[in-house]
């Protein structure tokens, strides 16, 4: 029987890892993950070998070691969008949103439409108007871009936030971004991932920027909002003309 091709081995190992990457949890067990790492070392295509090893270490919870390996893979083959995208998903699902943001910001150099959409969506969680505007400019430079139905829906949801940010005076936009950064810091501190971010304008005109958290008890959400309110006061943002809240996503 002929040996399996390197690409086939890579695909098979990634298929095993994929549910754990998407879930942000080790669904395989340590023995199976170390087996994947051992098999990945045998892949002769260096960037693929390093990437699979890195993703497995991230699933195991060693973000530093996994990131070093994924970064090495990208340095070898920076034009491969899957290296950027899988790496960004893996660390984000582990709650390291700052690293995910950094990866996606750097990935714009290859102008891959899927990565641009991903970056646009993630930037909306941070209320990062400047980065979102950069992505919009890059999309325009690409001309006609084909996206999946899901990508189009996700992009449109983030675009609603972008349009709101564009209408705000610069000082209000900066205050909202600072508060969004505080919310993201809290999520990282509690190893949380919001399923989506949204906005609501109250009858009095106050803009509410919300993070929907699924499977979170009301008491836990109250605790998170108390923590966020304290940080907002500490950073002298309590007079901002917008508020940021954690909300139940169920």
C-alpha atoms as a PDB file:
ATOM      1  CA  UNK A   1       0.000   0.000   0.000  1.00  0.00           C
ATOM      2  CA  UNK A   2       1.468   3.405  -0.958  1.00  0.00           C
ATOM      3  CA  UNK A   3       2.178   5.905   1.820  1.00  0.00           C
ATOM      4  CA  UNK A   4      -0.364   8.687   2.352  1.00  0.00           C
ATOM      5  CA  UNK A   5       0.559  12.038   0.866  1.00  0.00           C
ATOM      6  CA  UNK A   6       1.800  14.797   3.210  1.00  0.00           C
ATOM      7  CA  UNK A   7      -1.281  16.898   2.390  1.00  0.00           C
ATOM      8  CA  UNK A   8      -3.587  14.004   3.234  1.00  0.00           C
ATOM      9  CA  UNK A   9      -1.838  13.462   6.576  1.00  0.00           C
ATOM     10  CA  UNK A  10      -2.131  17.182   7.368  1.00  0.00           C
ATOM     11  CA  UNK A  11      -5.830  17.168   6.493  1.00  0.00           C
ATOM     12  CA  UNK A  12      -6.481  14.063   8.596  1.00  0.00           C
ATOM     13  CA  UNK A  13      -4.715  15.494  11.647  1.00  0.00           C
ATOM     14  CA  UNK A  14      -6.457  18.850  11.300  1.00  0.00           C
ATOM     15  CA  UNK A  15      -9.820  17.087  10.974  1.00  0.00           C
ATOM     16  CA  UNK A  16      -9.153  15.431  14.341  1.00  0.00           C
ATOM     17  CA  UNK A  17      -8.189  18.749  15.926  1.00  0.00           C
ATOM     18  CA  UNK A  18     -10.910  20.892  14.387  1.00  0.00           C
ATOM     19  CA  UNK A  19     -13.774  20.211  16.882  1.00  0.00           C
ATOM     20  CA  UNK A  20     -11.475  20.999  19.819  1.00  0.00           C
ATOM     21  CA  UNK A  21     -10.228  24.172  18.116  1.00  0.00           C
ATOM     22  CA  UNK A  22     -13.783  25.357  17.429  1.00  0.00           C
ATOM     23  CA  UNK A  23     -14.945  24.499  20.957  1.00  0.00           C
ATOM     24  CA  UNK A  24     -11.889  25.909  22.693  1.00  0.00           C
ATOM     25  CA  UNK A  25     -11.684  22.726  24.751  1.00  0.00           C
ATOM     26  CA  UNK A  26      -9.674  19.514  24.621  1.00  0.00           C
ATOM     27  CA  UNK A  27     -12.263  17.044  23.363  1.00  0.00           C
ATOM     28  CA  UNK A  28      -9.659  14.410  22.475  1.00  0.00           C
ATOM     29  CA  UNK A  29      -7.713  13.806  25.666  1.00  0.00           C
ATOM     30  CA  UNK A  30      -3.995  14.343  26.249  1.00  0.00           C
ATOM     31  CA  UNK A  31      -2.924  10.967  24.857  1.00  0.00           C
ATOM     32  CA  UNK A  32      -4.605  11.614  21.499  1.00  0.00           C
ATOM     33  CA  UNK A  33      -3.228  15.162  21.293  1.00  0.00           C
ATOM     34  CA  UNK A  34       0.326  14.012  21.959  1.00  0.00           C
ATOM     35  CA  UNK A  35      -0.199  11.348  19.292  1.00  0.00           C
ATOM     36  CA  UNK A  36      -1.222  14.096  16.851  1.00  0.00           C
ATOM     37  CA  UNK A  37       1.860  16.126  17.763  1.00  0.00           C
ATOM     38  CA  UNK A  38       4.067  13.075  17.201  1.00  0.00           C
ATOM     39  CA  UNK A  39       2.486  12.396  13.806  1.00  0.00           C
ATOM     40  CA  UNK A  40       2.682  16.078  12.828  1.00  0.00           C
ATOM     41  CA  UNK A  41       6.446  16.045  13.345  1.00  0.00           C
ATOM     42  CA  UNK A  42       6.669  13.486  10.533  1.00  0.00           C
ATOM     43  CA  UNK A  43       4.984  15.756   7.960  1.00  0.00           C
ATOM     44  CA  UNK A  44       7.747  16.733   5.508  1.00  0.00           C
ATOM     45  CA  UNK A  45       6.134  20.091   4.604  1.00  0.00           C
ATOM     46  CA  UNK A  46       7.610  22.232   7.357  1.00  0.00           C
ATOM     47  CA  UNK A  47       4.947  24.929   7.680  1.00  0.00           C
ATOM     48  CA  UNK A  48       2.160  22.315   7.809  1.00  0.00           C
ATOM     49  CA  UNK A  49       4.073  20.291  10.387  1.00  0.00           C
ATOM     50  CA  UNK A  50       4.672  23.313  12.624  1.00  0.00           C
ATOM     51  CA  UNK A  51       1.094  24.546  12.275  1.00  0.00           C
ATOM     52  CA  UNK A  52      -0.498  21.251  13.315  1.00  0.00           C
ATOM     53  CA  UNK A  53       1.883  20.943  16.259  1.00  0.00           C
ATOM     54  CA  UNK A  54       1.122  24.525  17.281  1.00  0.00           C
ATOM     55  CA  UNK A  55      -2.644  24.088  17.093  1.00  0.00           C
ATOM     56  CA  UNK A  56      -2.415  20.906  19.170  1.00  0.00           C
ATOM     57  CA  UNK A  57      -0.404  22.693  21.876  1.00  0.00           C
ATOM     58  CA  UNK A  58      -2.938  25.524  21.927  1.00  0.00           C
ATOM     59  CA  UNK A  59      -5.741  22.993  22.413  1.00  0.00           C
ATOM     60  CA  UNK A  60      -3.683  21.493  25.247  1.00  0.00           C
ATOM     61  CA  UNK A  61      -3.609  24.939  26.855  1.00  0.00           C
ATOM     62  CA  UNK A  62       0.024  25.872  26.225  1.00  0.00           C
ATOM     63  CA  UNK A  63      -0.688  29.066  24.289  1.00  0.00           C
ATOM     64  CA  UNK A  64       2.923  30.252  24.376  1.00  0.00           C
ATOM     65  CA  UNK A  65       4.409  27.077  22.892  1.00  0.00           C
ATOM     66  CA  UNK A  66       1.577  26.718  20.405  1.00  0.00           C
ATOM     67  CA  UNK A  67       1.876  30.334  19.292  1.00  0.00           C
ATOM     68  CA  UNK A  68       5.624  30.024  18.780  1.00  0.00           C
ATOM     69  CA  UNK A  69       5.056  27.077  16.457  1.00  0.00           C
ATOM     70  CA  UNK A  70       2.205  28.754  14.546  1.00  0.00           C
ATOM     71  CA  UNK A  71       4.258  31.933  14.148  1.00  0.00           C
ATOM     72  CA  UNK A  72       7.140  29.855  12.796  1.00  0.00           C
ATOM     73  CA  UNK A  73       4.781  28.253  10.274  1.00  0.00           C
ATOM     74  CA  UNK A  74       3.556  31.682   9.131  1.00  0.00           C
ATOM     75  CA  UNK A  75       7.125  32.949   8.778  1.00  0.00           C
ATOM     76  CA  UNK A  76       7.800  30.101   6.338  1.00  0.00           C
ATOM     77  CA  UNK A  77       4.605  30.473   4.304  1.00  0.00           C
ATOM     78  CA  UNK A  78       2.990  33.866   5.066  1.00  0.00           C
ATOM     79  CA  UNK A  79       0.712  33.768   2.016  1.00  0.00           C
ATOM     80  CA  UNK A  80      -1.198  30.692   3.240  1.00  0.00           C
ATOM     81  CA  UNK A  81      -4.470  32.013   4.663  1.00  0.00           C
ATOM     82  CA  UNK A  82      -5.275  28.796   6.571  1.00  0.00           C
ATOM     83  CA  UNK A  83      -2.202  29.270   8.768  1.00  0.00           C
ATOM     84  CA  UNK A  84      -3.446  32.693   9.886  1.00  0.00           C
ATOM     85  CA  UNK A  85      -7.115  31.764  10.165  1.00  0.00           C
ATOM     86  CA  UNK A  86      -6.789  28.516  12.122  1.00  0.00           C
ATOM     87  CA  UNK A  87      -4.273  30.106  14.485  1.00  0.00           C
ATOM     88  CA  UNK A  88      -6.584  33.088  15.110  1.00  0.00           C
ATOM     89  CA  UNK A  89      -9.598  30.850  15.756  1.00  0.00           C
ATOM     90  CA  UNK A  90      -7.635  28.588  18.126  1.00  0.00           C
ATOM     91  CA  UNK A  91      -6.342  31.373  20.392  1.00  0.00           C
ATOM     92  CA  UNK A  92      -9.633  33.273  20.292  1.00  0.00           C
ATOM     93  CA  UNK A  93     -11.618  30.217  21.379  1.00  0.00           C
ATOM     94  CA  UNK A  94      -9.170  29.866  24.260  1.00  0.00           C
ATOM     95  CA  UNK A  95     -10.108  33.399  25.324  1.00  0.00           C
ATOM     96  CA  UNK A  96      -6.930  35.168  24.193  1.00  0.00           C
ATOM     97  CA  UNK A  97      -8.755  37.879  22.262  1.00  0.00           C
ATOM     98  CA  UNK A  98      -5.833  40.307  22.255  1.00  0.00           C
ATOM     99  CA  UNK A  99      -3.583  37.795  20.504  1.00  0.00           C
ATOM    100  CA  UNK A 100      -6.358  36.935  18.073  1.00  0.00           C
ATOM    101  CA  UNK A 101      -6.750  40.630  17.261  1.00  0.00           C
ATOM    102  CA  UNK A 102      -3.004  40.960  16.704  1.00  0.00           C
ATOM    103  CA  UNK A 103      -2.906  37.952  14.361  1.00  0.00           C
ATOM    104  CA  UNK A 104      -5.780  39.223  12.248  1.00  0.00           C
ATOM    105  CA  UNK A 105      -4.391  42.745  12.015  1.00  0.00           C
ATOM    106  CA  UNK A 106      -1.138  41.325  10.664  1.00  0.00           C
ATOM    107  CA  UNK A 107      -2.944  38.977   8.272  1.00  0.00           C
ATOM    108  CA  UNK A 108      -4.274  41.854   6.146  1.00  0.00           C
ATOM    109  CA  UNK A 109      -0.972  41.875   4.245  1.00  0.00           C
ATOM    110  CA  UNK A 110      -2.139  38.895   2.165  1.00  0.00           C
ATOM    111  CA  UNK A 111      -5.532  40.531   1.412  1.00  0.00           C
ATOM    112  CA  UNK A 112      -7.498  37.311   1.753  1.00  0.00           C
ATOM    113  CA  UNK A 113     -11.255  38.069   1.720  1.00  0.00           C
ATOM    114  CA  UNK A 114     -12.124  35.534   4.429  1.00  0.00           C
ATOM    115  CA  UNK A 115      -9.431  36.880   6.749  1.00  0.00           C
ATOM    116  CA  UNK A 116     -10.549  40.443   6.061  1.00  0.00           C
ATOM    117  CA  UNK A 117     -14.108  39.527   7.076  1.00  0.00           C
ATOM    118  CA  UNK A 118     -12.777  37.802  10.197  1.00  0.00           C
ATOM    119  CA  UNK A 119     -10.688  40.860  11.068  1.00  0.00           C
ATOM    120  CA  UNK A 120     -13.642  43.195  10.461  1.00  0.00           C
ATOM    121  CA  UNK A 121     -15.876  41.172  12.800  1.00  0.00           C
ATOM    122  CA  UNK A 122     -13.269  40.869  15.557  1.00  0.00           C
ATOM    123  CA  UNK A 123     -12.478  44.582  15.290  1.00  0.00           C
ATOM    124  CA  UNK A 124     -16.161  45.340  15.884  1.00  0.00           C
ATOM    125  CA  UNK A 125     -15.916  43.669  19.309  1.00  0.00           C
ATOM    126  CA  UNK A 126     -13.171  46.141  20.192  1.00  0.00           C
ATOM    127  CA  UNK A 127     -15.097  49.058  18.614  1.00  0.00           C
ATOM    128  CA  UNK A 128     -11.896  49.600  16.625  1.00  0.00           C
ATOM    129  CA  UNK A 129     -13.100  52.063  14.008  1.00  0.00           C
ATOM    130  CA  UNK A 130      -9.668  52.685  12.482  1.00  0.00           C
ATOM    131  CA  UNK A 131      -9.032  48.993  11.817  1.00  0.00           C
ATOM    132  CA  UNK A 132     -12.538  48.492  10.457  1.00  0.00           C
ATOM    133  CA  UNK A 133     -12.040  51.456   8.115  1.00  0.00           C
ATOM    134  CA  UNK A 134      -8.763  49.921   6.935  1.00  0.00           C
ATOM    135  CA  UNK A 135     -10.544  46.655   6.115  1.00  0.00           C
ATOM    136  CA  UNK A 136     -13.292  48.497   4.229  1.00  0.00           C
ATOM    137  CA  UNK A 137     -10.617  50.243   2.159  1.00  0.00           C
ATOM    138  CA  UNK A 138      -8.917  46.941   1.378  1.00  0.00           C
ATOM    139  CA  UNK A 139     -12.194  45.365   0.331  1.00  0.00           C
ATOM    140  CA  UNK A 140     -12.808  48.222  -2.057  1.00  0.00           C
ATOM    141  CA  UNK A 141      -9.352  47.754  -3.545  1.00  0.00           C
ATOM    142  CA  UNK A 142     -10.098  44.072  -4.249  1.00  0.00           C
ATOM    143  CA  UNK A 143     -13.083  44.835  -6.462  1.00  0.00           C
ATOM    144  CA  UNK A 144     -15.770  42.144  -6.580  1.00  0.00           C
ATOM    145  CA  UNK A 145     -15.379  39.695  -3.699  1.00  0.00           C
ATOM    146  CA  UNK A 146     -17.385  36.493  -3.334  1.00  0.00           C
ATOM    147  CA  UNK A 147     -18.380  35.637   0.237  1.00  0.00           C
ATOM    148  CA  UNK A 148     -20.408  32.799   1.687  1.00  0.00           C
ATOM    149  CA  UNK A 149     -23.886  33.541   2.972  1.00  0.00           C
ATOM    150  CA  UNK A 150     -22.646  33.306   6.562  1.00  0.00           C
ATOM    151  CA  UNK A 151     -19.720  35.629   5.872  1.00  0.00           C
ATOM    152  CA  UNK A 152     -22.074  38.148   4.277  1.00  0.00           C
ATOM    153  CA  UNK A 153     -24.378  38.004   7.309  1.00  0.00           C
ATOM    154  CA  UNK A 154     -21.523  38.381   9.786  1.00  0.00           C
ATOM    155  CA  UNK A 155     -20.024  41.220   7.776  1.00  0.00           C
ATOM    156  CA  UNK A 156     -23.344  43.064   7.652  1.00  0.00           C
ATOM    157  CA  UNK A 157     -23.774  42.765  11.431  1.00  0.00           C
ATOM    158  CA  UNK A 158     -20.318  44.215  12.014  1.00  0.00           C
ATOM    159  CA  UNK A 159     -20.973  46.846   9.360  1.00  0.00           C
ATOM    160  CA  UNK A 160     -23.927  48.153  11.405  1.00  0.00           C
ATOM    161  CA  UNK A 161     -21.498  48.803  14.269  1.00  0.00           C
ATOM    162  CA  UNK A 162     -18.993  50.372  11.876  1.00  0.00           C
ATOM    163  CA  UNK A 163     -21.646  52.741  10.529  1.00  0.00           C
ATOM    164  CA  UNK A 164     -22.610  53.762  14.065  1.00  0.00           C
ATOM    165  CA  UNK A 165     -18.975  54.412  14.965  1.00  0.00           C
ATOM    166  CA  UNK A 166     -18.522  56.465  11.787  1.00  0.00           C
ATOM    167  CA  UNK A 167     -21.330  58.803  12.823  1.00  0.00           C
ATOM    168  CA  UNK A 168     -19.976  59.478  16.303  1.00  0.00           C
ATOM    169  CA  UNK A 169     -17.763  62.477  17.059  1.00  0.00           C
ATOM    170  CA  UNK A 170     -14.155  61.365  17.380  1.00  0.00           C
ATOM    171  CA  UNK A 171     -13.996  61.871  21.150  1.00  0.00           C
ATOM    172  CA  UNK A 172     -17.152  59.774  21.702  1.00  0.00           C
ATOM    173  CA  UNK A 173     -15.819  57.074  19.384  1.00  0.00           C
ATOM    174  CA  UNK A 174     -12.558  56.967  21.336  1.00  0.00           C
ATOM    175  CA  UNK A 175     -14.409  56.696  24.665  1.00  0.00           C
ATOM    176  CA  UNK A 176     -16.512  53.813  23.361  1.00  0.00           C
ATOM    177  CA  UNK A 177     -13.426  52.039  22.064  1.00  0.00           C
ATOM    178  CA  UNK A 178     -11.706  52.433  25.445  1.00  0.00           C
ATOM    179  CA  UNK A 179     -14.741  50.946  27.211  1.00  0.00           C
ATOM    180  CA  UNK A 180     -14.897  48.103  24.700  1.00  0.00           C
ATOM    181  CA  UNK A 181     -11.230  47.385  25.421  1.00  0.00           C
ATOM    182  CA  UNK A 182     -12.047  47.184  29.136  1.00  0.00           C
ATOM    183  CA  UNK A 183     -14.862  44.723  28.401  1.00  0.00           C
ATOM    184  CA  UNK A 184     -12.545  42.579  26.283  1.00  0.00           C
ATOM    185  CA  UNK A 185      -9.937  42.642  29.072  1.00  0.00           C
ATOM    186  CA  UNK A 186     -12.575  41.357  31.490  1.00  0.00           C
ATOM    187  CA  UNK A 187     -13.539  38.569  29.103  1.00  0.00           C
ATOM    188  CA  UNK A 188      -9.900  37.548  28.813  1.00  0.00           C
ATOM    189  CA  UNK A 189      -9.535  37.643  32.598  1.00  0.00           C
ATOM    190  CA  UNK A 190     -12.454  35.225  32.943  1.00  0.00           C
ATOM    191  CA  UNK A 191     -11.558  33.200  29.839  1.00  0.00           C
ATOM    192  CA  UNK A 192     -14.840  34.118  28.148  1.00  0.00           C
ATOM    193  CA  UNK A 193     -15.886  34.532  24.530  1.00  0.00           C
ATOM    194  CA  UNK A 194     -18.888  36.636  23.556  1.00  0.00           C
ATOM    195  CA  UNK A 195     -20.994  35.069  20.837  1.00  0.00           C
ATOM    196  CA  UNK A 196     -21.660  38.434  19.281  1.00  0.00           C
ATOM    197  CA  UNK A 197     -21.603  42.146  19.952  1.00  0.00           C
ATOM    198  CA  UNK A 198     -24.492  44.451  19.242  1.00  0.00           C
ATOM    199  CA  UNK A 199     -25.865  47.886  19.836  1.00  0.00           C
ATOM    200  CA  UNK A 200     -29.040  49.459  21.104  1.00  0.00           C
ATOM    201  CA  UNK A 201     -30.050  53.103  21.199  1.00  0.00           C
ATOM    202  CA  UNK A 202     -32.267  53.949  24.168  1.00  0.00           C
ATOM    203  CA  UNK A 203     -35.161  56.414  23.831  1.00  0.00           C
ATOM    204  CA  UNK A 204     -32.998  59.077  25.484  1.00  0.00           C
ATOM    205  CA  UNK A 205     -30.405  58.636  22.719  1.00  0.00           C
ATOM    206  CA  UNK A 206     -27.830  56.791  24.862  1.00  0.00           C
ATOM    207  CA  UNK A 207     -25.917  54.200  22.833  1.00  0.00           C
ATOM    208  CA  UNK A 208     -25.548  50.817  24.515  1.00  0.00           C
ATOM    209  CA  UNK A 209     -22.800  48.534  23.206  1.00  0.00           C
ATOM    210  CA  UNK A 210     -23.560  44.963  24.278  1.00  0.00           C
ATOM    211  CA  UNK A 211     -21.706  41.655  24.509  1.00  0.00           C
ATOM    212  CA  UNK A 212     -23.980  38.591  24.459  1.00  0.00           C
ATOM    213  CA  UNK A 213     -22.761  35.802  26.726  1.00  0.00           C
ATOM    214  CA  UNK A 214     -24.329  32.364  26.371  1.00  0.00           C
ATOM    215  CA  UNK A 215     -24.667  29.876  29.214  1.00  0.00           C
ATOM    216  CA  UNK A 216     -23.928  32.570  31.789  1.00  0.00           C
ATOM    217  CA  UNK A 217     -26.088  32.887  34.896  1.00  0.00           C
ATOM    218  CA  UNK A 218     -27.794  36.223  35.676  1.00  0.00           C
ATOM    219  CA  UNK A 219     -25.687  36.566  38.831  1.00  0.00           C
ATOM    220  CA  UNK A 220     -22.472  36.070  36.854  1.00  0.00           C
ATOM    221  CA  UNK A 221     -23.486  38.692  34.300  1.00  0.00           C
ATOM    222  CA  UNK A 222     -24.304  41.128  37.111  1.00  0.00           C
ATOM    223  CA  UNK A 223     -20.851  40.463  38.593  1.00  0.00           C
ATOM    224  CA  UNK A 224     -19.179  41.110  35.223  1.00  0.00           C
ATOM    225  CA  UNK A 225     -21.083  44.369  34.757  1.00  0.00           C
ATOM    226  CA  UNK A 226     -20.120  45.483  38.274  1.00  0.00           C
ATOM    227  CA  UNK A 227     -16.472  44.741  37.433  1.00  0.00           C
ATOM    228  CA  UNK A 228     -16.815  46.641  34.154  1.00  0.00           C
ATOM    229  CA  UNK A 229     -18.469  49.625  35.867  1.00  0.00           C
ATOM    230  CA  UNK A 230     -15.613  49.791  38.366  1.00  0.00           C
ATOM    231  CA  UNK A 231     -13.031  49.798  35.582  1.00  0.00           C
ATOM    232  CA  UNK A 232     -14.952  52.476  33.682  1.00  0.00           C
ATOM    233  CA  UNK A 233     -14.883  54.724  36.743  1.00  0.00           C
ATOM    234  CA  UNK A 234     -11.200  53.971  37.366  1.00  0.00           C
ATOM    235  CA  UNK A 235     -10.407  55.025  33.796  1.00  0.00           C
ATOM    236  CA  UNK A 236     -12.524  58.177  34.145  1.00  0.00           C
ATOM    237  CA  UNK A 237     -14.943  57.117  31.418  1.00  0.00           C
ATOM    238  CA  UNK A 238     -18.108  57.393  33.550  1.00  0.00           C
ATOM    239  CA  UNK A 239     -19.178  60.566  31.747  1.00  0.00           C
ATOM    240  CA  UNK A 240     -19.033  58.944  28.304  1.00  0.00           C
ATOM    241  CA  UNK A 241     -22.118  59.319  26.120  1.00  0.00           C
ATOM    242  CA  UNK A 242     -22.376  55.564  25.602  1.00  0.00           C
ATOM    243  CA  UNK A 243     -22.422  52.522  27.853  1.00  0.00           C
ATOM    244  CA  UNK A 244     -20.973  49.034  27.483  1.00  0.00           C
ATOM    245  CA  UNK A 245     -22.742  46.025  28.980  1.00  0.00           C
ATOM    246  CA  UNK A 246     -22.606  42.252  29.195  1.00  0.00           C
ATOM    247  CA  UNK A 247     -25.988  40.741  28.368  1.00  0.00           C
ATOM    248  CA  UNK A 248     -27.469  37.212  28.389  1.00  0.00           C
ATOM    249  CA  UNK A 249     -27.302  35.625  24.966  1.00  0.00           C
ATOM    250  CA  UNK A 250     -29.812  32.826  25.566  1.00  0.00           C
END
